[in-house]
Amino acid sequence: MIEVFKTNVQFQKDAELIVSNLEMKLLNSKINFDLEDCDKILRIEGANKSKSKYVLSFMQQIGYNCQVLE
C-alpha cells in the first residue's frame, strides 16, 4: 500500500532528516518527499493505517502540518 501525505516541509535538509527518522520506525517502507510538488508530498510505500497514524503524529510533534491525501 502507498500512502501519500500533503505537508508543509520546505527544505531538502529537513526532508532528509524526516525520512531518516521515519525509516528507523517504519521498517521495510520506502519513504520519499517530492518538494517540487505544490503539496510538498511525503510518500510512503508499505504503509498501513497504523503507520499513517504514526506519521501524522510524528510530523505534528516536530512542528509540521501533515494530512493524508486521498
N, C-alpha and C. Protein backbone atom coordinates (compact mmCIF):
# COMPACT_ATOMS: atom_id res chain seq x y z
N MET A 1 0.84 -1.18 0.00
CA MET A 1 0.00 0.00 0.00
C MET A 1 0.89 1.25 0.00
N ILE A 2 0.48 2.24 -0.73
CA ILE A 2 1.19 3.52 -0.76
C ILE A 2 0.30 4.58 -0.14
N GLU A 3 0.87 5.29 0.82
CA GLU A 3 0.15 6.39 1.47
C GLU A 3 0.84 7.69 1.06
N VAL A 4 0.03 8.68 0.72
CA VAL A 4 0.55 9.97 0.27
C VAL A 4 0.04 11.05 1.21
N PHE A 5 0.97 11.90 1.65
CA PHE A 5 0.65 12.96 2.61
C PHE A 5 0.99 14.32 2.02
N LYS A 6 0.15 15.29 2.30
CA LYS A 6 0.43 16.69 1.99
C LYS A 6 1.11 17.27 3.22
N THR A 7 2.25 17.97 3.01
CA THR A 7 2.99 18.54 4.13
C THR A 7 3.32 20.01 3.85
N ASN A 8 3.94 20.64 4.83
CA ASN A 8 4.44 22.00 4.63
C ASN A 8 5.96 22.04 4.78
N VAL A 9 6.63 20.91 4.55
CA VAL A 9 8.09 20.85 4.59
C VAL A 9 8.63 21.64 3.40
N GLN A 10 9.57 22.54 3.64
CA GLN A 10 10.07 23.42 2.58
C GLN A 10 11.48 23.08 2.09
N PHE A 11 12.31 22.54 2.96
CA PHE A 11 13.72 22.40 2.63
C PHE A 11 14.17 20.95 2.55
N GLN A 12 15.05 20.68 1.60
CA GLN A 12 15.56 19.33 1.37
C GLN A 12 16.24 18.77 2.62
N LYS A 13 16.98 19.60 3.32
CA LYS A 13 17.67 19.14 4.53
C LYS A 13 16.67 18.64 5.57
N ASP A 14 15.57 19.35 5.74
CA ASP A 14 14.52 18.92 6.67
C ASP A 14 13.89 17.62 6.20
N ALA A 15 13.62 17.53 4.92
CA ALA A 15 13.02 16.31 4.35
C ALA A 15 13.92 15.11 4.59
N GLU A 16 15.21 15.27 4.39
CA GLU A 16 16.15 14.17 4.59
C GLU A 16 16.17 13.71 6.05
N LEU A 17 16.11 14.65 6.97
CA LEU A 17 16.09 14.31 8.40
C LEU A 17 14.79 13.57 8.76
N ILE A 18 13.69 14.03 8.23
CA ILE A 18 12.40 13.38 8.49
C ILE A 18 12.40 11.96 7.94
N VAL A 19 12.87 11.79 6.69
CA VAL A 19 12.92 10.46 6.09
C VAL A 19 13.80 9.53 6.92
N SER A 20 14.94 10.03 7.35
CA SER A 20 15.85 9.23 8.17
C SER A 20 15.18 8.75 9.45
N ASN A 21 14.48 9.65 10.13
CA ASN A 21 13.78 9.29 11.37
C ASN A 21 12.64 8.32 11.11
N LEU A 22 11.89 8.54 10.05
CA LEU A 22 10.77 7.65 9.75
C LEU A 22 11.26 6.26 9.36
N GLU A 23 12.37 6.18 8.64
CA GLU A 23 12.90 4.88 8.23
C GLU A 23 13.30 4.04 9.43
N MET A 24 13.71 4.67 10.51
CA MET A 24 14.06 3.92 11.72
C MET A 24 12.82 3.28 12.38
N LYS A 25 11.68 3.91 12.23
CA LYS A 25 10.44 3.41 12.85
C LYS A 25 9.61 2.56 11.90
N LEU A 26 9.62 2.91 10.62
CA LEU A 26 8.78 2.22 9.64
C LEU A 26 9.65 1.30 8.79
N LEU A 27 10.10 0.23 9.41
CA LEU A 27 10.98 -0.71 8.73
C LEU A 27 10.29 -1.29 7.50
N ASN A 28 11.07 -1.61 6.49
CA ASN A 28 10.57 -2.20 5.24
C ASN A 28 9.64 -1.27 4.47
N SER A 29 9.78 0.02 4.66
CA SER A 29 8.99 1.01 3.92
C SER A 29 9.92 1.86 3.07
N LYS A 30 9.46 2.22 1.87
CA LYS A 30 10.18 3.17 1.02
C LYS A 30 9.56 4.54 1.27
N ILE A 31 10.40 5.51 1.64
CA ILE A 31 9.90 6.83 2.04
C ILE A 31 10.63 7.90 1.24
N ASN A 32 9.86 8.84 0.68
CA ASN A 32 10.50 9.95 -0.03
C ASN A 32 9.58 11.17 -0.05
N PHE A 33 10.20 12.30 -0.32
CA PHE A 33 9.49 13.57 -0.47
C PHE A 33 9.56 14.03 -1.91
N ASP A 34 8.54 14.75 -2.34
CA ASP A 34 8.55 15.48 -3.60
C ASP A 34 8.30 16.94 -3.24
N LEU A 35 9.38 17.65 -2.97
CA LEU A 35 9.26 19.05 -2.56
C LEU A 35 8.98 19.97 -3.75
N GLU A 36 9.10 19.46 -4.96
CA GLU A 36 8.78 20.25 -6.15
C GLU A 36 7.26 20.35 -6.34
N ASP A 37 6.52 19.40 -5.81
CA ASP A 37 5.07 19.41 -5.89
C ASP A 37 4.52 20.53 -4.99
N CYS A 38 3.44 21.15 -5.41
CA CYS A 38 2.87 22.26 -4.62
C CYS A 38 2.40 21.79 -3.25
N ASP A 39 2.11 20.49 -3.08
CA ASP A 39 1.66 19.96 -1.80
C ASP A 39 2.79 19.38 -0.96
N LYS A 40 4.05 19.53 -1.43
CA LYS A 40 5.22 19.04 -0.67
C LYS A 40 4.99 17.60 -0.20
N ILE A 41 4.78 16.73 -1.15
CA ILE A 41 4.34 15.35 -0.93
C ILE A 41 5.35 14.50 -0.17
N LEU A 42 4.85 13.79 0.82
CA LEU A 42 5.57 12.73 1.51
C LEU A 42 4.90 11.43 1.10
N ARG A 43 5.67 10.53 0.51
CA ARG A 43 5.12 9.26 0.00
C ARG A 43 5.76 8.11 0.76
N ILE A 44 4.92 7.20 1.25
CA ILE A 44 5.42 6.05 1.99
C ILE A 44 4.83 4.78 1.38
N GLU A 45 5.71 3.97 0.82
CA GLU A 45 5.30 2.70 0.24
C GLU A 45 5.48 1.62 1.30
N GLY A 46 4.44 0.82 1.51
CA GLY A 46 4.49 -0.19 2.56
C GLY A 46 3.76 0.26 3.81
N ALA A 47 3.06 1.38 3.71
CA ALA A 47 2.35 1.93 4.86
C ALA A 47 1.00 1.23 5.05
N ASN A 48 0.53 1.22 6.28
CA ASN A 48 -0.83 0.79 6.58
C ASN A 48 -1.44 1.84 7.50
N LYS A 49 -2.67 1.62 7.90
CA LYS A 49 -3.37 2.66 8.68
C LYS A 49 -2.66 2.99 10.00
N SER A 50 -2.10 2.00 10.68
CA SER A 50 -1.41 2.30 11.93
C SER A 50 -0.15 3.10 11.67
N LYS A 51 0.55 2.82 10.57
CA LYS A 51 1.73 3.60 10.22
C LYS A 51 1.34 5.02 9.86
N SER A 52 0.21 5.18 9.19
CA SER A 52 -0.25 6.52 8.82
C SER A 52 -0.52 7.36 10.05
N LYS A 53 -1.12 6.76 11.06
CA LYS A 53 -1.39 7.49 12.31
C LYS A 53 -0.08 7.90 12.96
N TYR A 54 0.91 7.02 12.92
CA TYR A 54 2.22 7.35 13.49
C TYR A 54 2.84 8.53 12.74
N VAL A 55 2.78 8.50 11.42
CA VAL A 55 3.37 9.57 10.60
C VAL A 55 2.71 10.91 10.93
N LEU A 56 1.39 10.92 10.98
CA LEU A 56 0.67 12.16 11.29
C LEU A 56 1.07 12.70 12.66
N SER A 57 1.15 11.82 13.63
CA SER A 57 1.54 12.22 14.99
C SER A 57 2.98 12.72 15.02
N PHE A 58 3.89 11.97 14.40
CA PHE A 58 5.30 12.35 14.36
C PHE A 58 5.49 13.73 13.72
N MET A 59 4.86 13.93 12.58
CA MET A 59 5.01 15.21 11.89
C MET A 59 4.48 16.37 12.73
N GLN A 60 3.37 16.14 13.41
CA GLN A 60 2.82 17.19 14.27
C GLN A 60 3.77 17.47 15.43
N GLN A 61 4.34 16.43 16.02
CA GLN A 61 5.24 16.60 17.15
C GLN A 61 6.48 17.42 16.79
N ILE A 62 6.95 17.30 15.55
CA ILE A 62 8.14 18.05 15.16
C ILE A 62 7.80 19.38 14.47
N GLY A 63 6.51 19.73 14.48
CA GLY A 63 6.11 21.07 14.07
C GLY A 63 5.69 21.25 12.63
N TYR A 64 5.35 20.16 11.94
CA TYR A 64 4.93 20.27 10.55
C TYR A 64 3.46 19.90 10.40
N ASN A 65 2.82 20.53 9.43
CA ASN A 65 1.47 20.14 9.05
C ASN A 65 1.58 18.92 8.16
N CYS A 66 0.64 18.01 8.30
CA CYS A 66 0.66 16.79 7.51
C CYS A 66 -0.76 16.24 7.46
N GLN A 67 -1.22 15.90 6.27
CA GLN A 67 -2.55 15.29 6.14
C GLN A 67 -2.52 14.26 5.02
N VAL A 68 -3.31 13.22 5.19
CA VAL A 68 -3.39 12.16 4.20
C VAL A 68 -4.11 12.69 2.97
N LEU A 69 -3.54 12.44 1.79
CA LEU A 69 -4.22 12.77 0.54
C LEU A 69 -4.96 11.53 0.05
N GLU A 70 -6.19 11.70 -0.32
CA GLU A 70 -7.00 10.58 -0.82
C GLU A 70 -6.74 10.35 -2.29
